[in-house]
Each structure stands twice: as C-alpha cells, then as structure tokens.
Amino acid sequence: MGKVLFWVVVILGAMIIARIVSQNKARKRTPPNPTTRPPRKKGGAEEMVRCAHCGIYLPRSEALMSNHHTWCSLEHAKRGPRN
C-alpha cells in the first residue's frame, strides 16, 4: 500500500509541475489584452479638481478651465457657478 501511495504522489506532483510550466509558456506566447487599462505611470495619481457648478471631482486633464473656474462639461460652463 505504501508503494502505491508513493507513486500516486509522484504522478500528481509531475502533473502539477507540467501544468505550471505550460501556463507560463502560454502566458509568454499570448499578446497582452488591448482592452485592459495601461499600467499607471510612476509618479502617482493625477490632480483632481472640482466643477464649479455641480461639485463633482474629476482629473485636471478632463476638466474645462474658464474664468478661473473648472467645469466638468461645456453645459455647466455656460450655466456658471452655482451659488
């Protein structure tokens, strides 16, 4: 009984190692998925600004800047700041 158990463990170990090796090879072969987000640049997050009309926060690169205010959309820029 001890010999059978030994061979079962050896065969299972060989199967696990073969699976790990084949997954590593497959991962190297396939190109990266284009739908995933690109990795973040070193340097951290982008500065967030607040819309003067609705108060939502958005990245500075997506905001509209006009009359010393930031806006989330052209419509809110036309409406002006909320009091």
C-alpha atoms as a PDB file:
ATOM      1  CA  MET A   1       0.000   0.000   0.000  1.00  0.00           C
ATOM      2  CA  GLY A   2       2.881   2.358   0.753  1.00  0.00           C
ATOM      3  CA  LYS A   3       4.374   1.943  -2.722  1.00  0.00           C
ATOM      4  CA  VAL A   4       1.059   2.735  -4.429  1.00  0.00           C
ATOM      5  CA  LEU A   5       0.602   5.891  -2.359  1.00  0.00           C
ATOM      6  CA  PHE A   6       4.168   6.950  -3.157  1.00  0.00           C
ATOM      7  CA  TRP A   7       3.583   6.592  -6.929  1.00  0.00           C
ATOM      8  CA  VAL A   8       0.263   8.451  -6.735  1.00  0.00           C
ATOM      9  CA  VAL A   9       2.007  11.363  -5.027  1.00  0.00           C
ATOM     10  CA  VAL A  10       4.849  11.312  -7.581  1.00  0.00           C
ATOM     11  CA  ILE A  11       2.419  11.288 -10.533  1.00  0.00           C
ATOM     12  CA  LEU A  12       0.298  14.119  -9.059  1.00  0.00           C
ATOM     13  CA  GLY A  13       3.452  16.159  -8.437  1.00  0.00           C
ATOM     14  CA  ALA A  14       4.601  15.653 -12.028  1.00  0.00           C
ATOM     15  CA  MET A  15       1.171  16.700 -13.347  1.00  0.00           C
ATOM     16  CA  ILE A  16       1.195  19.882 -11.242  1.00  0.00           C
ATOM     17  CA  ILE A  17       4.692  20.808 -12.430  1.00  0.00           C
ATOM     18  CA  ALA A  18       3.729  20.161 -16.067  1.00  0.00           C
ATOM     19  CA  ARG A  19       0.670  22.389 -15.706  1.00  0.00           C
ATOM     20  CA  ILE A  20       2.664  25.255 -14.195  1.00  0.00           C
ATOM     21  CA  VAL A  21       5.251  25.049 -16.982  1.00  0.00           C
ATOM     22  CA  SER A  22       2.591  25.006 -19.725  1.00  0.00           C
ATOM     23  CA  GLN A  23       0.767  28.012 -18.211  1.00  0.00           C
ATOM     24  CA  ASN A  24       3.996  30.006 -18.106  1.00  0.00           C
ATOM     25  CA  LYS A  25       4.699  29.200 -21.766  1.00  0.00           C
ATOM     26  CA  ALA A  26       1.143  30.112 -22.805  1.00  0.00           C
ATOM     27  CA  ARG A  27       1.335  33.409 -20.916  1.00  0.00           C
ATOM     28  CA  LYS A  28       4.534  34.348 -22.750  1.00  0.00           C
ATOM     29  CA  ARG A  29       3.018  33.443 -26.143  1.00  0.00           C
ATOM     30  CA  THR A  30      -0.212  35.466 -25.953  1.00  0.00           C
ATOM     31  CA  PRO A  31      -0.092  39.237 -26.511  1.00  0.00           C
ATOM     32  CA  PRO A  32      -1.474  41.488 -23.784  1.00  0.00           C
ATOM     33  CA  ASN A  33      -5.208  42.189 -23.842  1.00  0.00           C
ATOM     34  CA  PRO A  34      -5.798  45.597 -25.513  1.00  0.00           C
ATOM     35  CA  THR A  35      -8.990  46.211 -23.517  1.00  0.00           C
ATOM     36  CA  THR A  36      -7.193  46.396 -20.206  1.00  0.00           C
ATOM     37  CA  ARG A  37      -6.036  49.730 -18.878  1.00  0.00           C
ATOM     38  CA  PRO A  38      -2.400  50.602 -19.386  1.00  0.00           C
ATOM     39  CA  PRO A  39      -0.292  50.485 -16.236  1.00  0.00           C
ATOM     40  CA  ARG A  40      -0.063  53.706 -14.265  1.00  0.00           C
ATOM     41  CA  LYS A  41       2.935  55.898 -14.761  1.00  0.00           C
ATOM     42  CA  LYS A  42       5.349  56.251 -11.925  1.00  0.00           C
ATOM     43  CA  GLY A  43       4.640  59.413 -10.063  1.00  0.00           C
ATOM     44  CA  GLY A  44       1.204  58.660  -8.678  1.00  0.00           C
ATOM     45  CA  ALA A  45      -2.278  59.925  -9.330  1.00  0.00           C
ATOM     46  CA  GLU A  46      -3.337  62.950 -11.298  1.00  0.00           C
ATOM     47  CA  GLU A  47      -4.558  66.084  -9.539  1.00  0.00           C
ATOM     48  CA  MET A  48      -8.339  66.209  -9.055  1.00  0.00           C
ATOM     49  CA  VAL A  49     -10.355  69.431  -9.494  1.00  0.00           C
ATOM     50  CA  ARG A  50     -13.947  70.292  -8.623  1.00  0.00           C
ATOM     51  CA  CYS A  51     -16.616  71.502 -11.053  1.00  0.00           C
ATOM     52  CA  ALA A  52     -17.800  74.980 -10.033  1.00  0.00           C
ATOM     53  CA  HIS A  53     -21.410  74.125 -10.956  1.00  0.00           C
ATOM     54  CA  CYS A  54     -22.170  70.595  -9.736  1.00  0.00           C
ATOM     55  CA  GLY A  55     -19.252  69.960  -7.371  1.00  0.00           C
ATOM     56  CA  ILE A  56     -18.117  66.690  -8.952  1.00  0.00           C
ATOM     57  CA  TYR A  57     -14.389  65.909  -8.791  1.00  0.00           C
ATOM     58  CA  LEU A  58     -12.595  64.935 -11.989  1.00  0.00           C
ATOM     59  CA  PRO A  59      -8.991  64.699 -13.221  1.00  0.00           C
ATOM     60  CA  ARG A  60      -7.482  68.026 -14.262  1.00  0.00           C
ATOM     61  CA  SER A  61      -6.770  66.695 -17.764  1.00  0.00           C
ATOM     62  CA  GLU A  62     -10.520  66.107 -18.338  1.00  0.00           C
ATOM     63  CA  ALA A  63     -11.715  69.430 -16.880  1.00  0.00           C
ATOM     64  CA  LEU A  64     -12.564  72.607 -18.792  1.00  0.00           C
ATOM     65  CA  MET A  65     -10.884  75.742 -17.472  1.00  0.00           C
ATOM     66  CA  SER A  66     -12.539  79.152 -17.916  1.00  0.00           C
ATOM     67  CA  ASN A  67     -12.690  82.414 -15.932  1.00  0.00           C
ATOM     68  CA  HIS A  68     -10.597  80.965 -13.088  1.00  0.00           C
ATOM     69  CA  HIS A  69     -13.093  78.106 -12.624  1.00  0.00           C
ATOM     70  CA  THR A  70     -13.042  74.439 -13.550  1.00  0.00           C
ATOM     71  CA  TRP A  71     -16.015  72.723 -15.205  1.00  0.00           C
ATOM     72  CA  CYS A  72     -16.936  69.113 -15.917  1.00  0.00           C
ATOM     73  CA  SER A  73     -18.776  69.950 -19.170  1.00  0.00           C
ATOM     74  CA  LEU A  74     -19.424  72.774 -21.593  1.00  0.00           C
ATOM     75  CA  GLU A  75     -23.053  72.955 -20.433  1.00  0.00           C
ATOM     76  CA  HIS A  76     -22.009  73.626 -16.837  1.00  0.00           C
ATOM     77  CA  ALA A  77     -19.525  76.254 -18.017  1.00  0.00           C
ATOM     78  CA  LYS A  78     -22.367  78.038 -19.832  1.00  0.00           C
ATOM     79  CA  ARG A  79     -24.607  77.902 -16.737  1.00  0.00           C
ATOM     80  CA  GLY A  80     -21.942  79.365 -14.481  1.00  0.00           C
ATOM     81  CA  PRO A  81     -21.087  78.648 -10.864  1.00  0.00           C
ATOM     82  CA  ARG A  82     -23.834  77.512  -8.536  1.00  0.00           C
ATOM     83  CA  ASN A  83     -24.438  79.719  -5.521  1.00  0.00           C
END
